[in-house]
């Protein structure tokens, strides 16, 4: 296959807009971000931010209830990620 023949094919590693267009009645295209991906990204953001907050509270010598609150948020978000992962294996 020569270079001229390959011009008709889209390079899968090329950055740009996809050639496929979503259907008119609201269906997402093949490259659309799913709701699960958004939730997973938000949960990871909560885990990281609450862990950083807990570390900052440790260095500043804040009150114990603040440590506990940020730790609980971290554990709950991490637990939600684990549960989603285990349910996704089924």
Protein backbone atom coordinates (compact mmCIF):
# COMPACT_ATOMS: atom_id res chain seq x y z
CA UNK A 1 0.00 0.00 0.00
CA UNK A 2 1.56 3.28 -1.04
CA UNK A 3 1.24 6.64 0.63
CA UNK A 4 -1.23 7.82 -2.01
CA UNK A 5 -3.55 4.90 -1.29
CA UNK A 6 -3.49 5.58 2.44
CA UNK A 7 -4.76 9.15 2.10
CA UNK A 8 -8.33 7.88 1.93
CA UNK A 9 -8.06 6.22 5.34
CA UNK A 10 -8.17 8.15 8.60
CA UNK A 11 -5.14 7.78 10.82
CA UNK A 12 -6.35 6.38 14.17
CA UNK A 13 -3.55 8.20 16.01
CA UNK A 14 -4.19 11.60 14.47
CA UNK A 15 -5.56 14.23 16.84
CA UNK A 16 -8.61 16.00 15.50
CA UNK A 17 -12.35 15.81 15.22
CA UNK A 18 -13.79 12.40 14.43
CA UNK A 19 -15.45 11.90 11.07
CA UNK A 20 -18.52 10.22 12.51
CA UNK A 21 -21.50 12.37 13.38
CA UNK A 22 -23.95 11.48 16.20
CA UNK A 23 -27.45 10.46 15.23
CA UNK A 24 -30.12 13.15 15.09
CA UNK A 25 -32.27 11.78 17.91
CA UNK A 26 -29.72 12.25 20.71
CA UNK A 27 -27.61 9.10 20.49
CA UNK A 28 -23.98 9.69 21.33
CA UNK A 29 -21.28 8.95 18.81
CA UNK A 30 -18.61 6.28 19.25
CA UNK A 31 -16.15 8.75 20.79
CA UNK A 32 -18.62 10.26 23.28
CA UNK A 33 -17.71 10.33 26.96
CA UNK A 34 -20.00 8.11 28.98
CA UNK A 35 -21.66 9.08 32.21
CA UNK A 36 -19.62 6.44 34.04
CA UNK A 37 -16.38 8.03 32.83
CA UNK A 38 -17.47 11.41 34.19
CA UNK A 39 -18.45 9.92 37.56
CA UNK A 40 -15.15 8.05 37.81
CA UNK A 41 -13.17 11.21 37.04
CA UNK A 42 -15.14 13.19 39.64
CA UNK A 43 -14.62 10.48 42.26
CA UNK A 44 -10.87 10.50 41.60
CA UNK A 45 -10.85 14.28 41.92
CA UNK A 46 -12.65 14.02 45.27
CA UNK A 47 -10.18 11.39 46.51
CA UNK A 48 -7.16 13.49 45.56
CA UNK A 49 -8.56 16.78 46.85
CA UNK A 50 -9.73 15.34 50.16
CA UNK A 51 -6.40 13.55 50.70
CA UNK A 52 -4.52 16.78 50.00
CA UNK A 53 -6.87 18.65 52.34
CA UNK A 54 -6.26 16.08 55.05
CA UNK A 55 -2.50 16.43 54.61
CA UNK A 56 -2.73 20.23 54.73
CA UNK A 57 -4.84 20.03 57.88
CA UNK A 58 -2.19 17.81 59.44
CA UNK A 59 0.57 20.32 58.75
CA UNK A 60 -1.45 23.27 60.02
CA UNK A 61 -2.47 21.56 63.26
CA UNK A 62 -6.20 21.90 62.65
CA UNK A 63 -8.88 20.45 64.89
CA UNK A 64 -9.49 16.69 64.94
CA UNK A 65 -13.06 16.86 63.56
CA UNK A 66 -11.69 18.45 60.38
CA UNK A 67 -9.20 15.60 59.98
CA UNK A 68 -11.94 13.06 60.50
CA UNK A 69 -14.29 14.75 58.03
CA UNK A 70 -11.72 14.88 55.24
CA UNK A 71 -10.65 11.30 55.99
CA UNK A 72 -14.24 10.08 55.82
CA UNK A 73 -14.74 11.82 52.48
CA UNK A 74 -11.55 10.21 51.15
CA UNK A 75 -12.57 6.74 52.32
CA UNK A 76 -16.11 7.07 50.94
CA UNK A 77 -14.93 8.24 47.52
CA UNK A 78 -12.25 5.53 47.33
CA UNK A 79 -14.83 2.95 48.41
CA UNK A 80 -17.21 4.13 45.69
CA UNK A 81 -14.41 3.69 43.13
CA UNK A 82 -13.75 0.16 44.36
CA UNK A 83 -17.45 -0.76 44.28
CA UNK A 84 -17.83 0.63 40.75
CA UNK A 85 -14.78 -1.34 39.63
CA UNK A 86 -16.02 -4.60 41.15
CA UNK A 87 -19.51 -4.16 39.70
CA UNK A 88 -18.02 -3.40 36.29
CA UNK A 89 -16.29 -6.80 36.21
CA UNK A 90 -19.57 -8.69 36.13
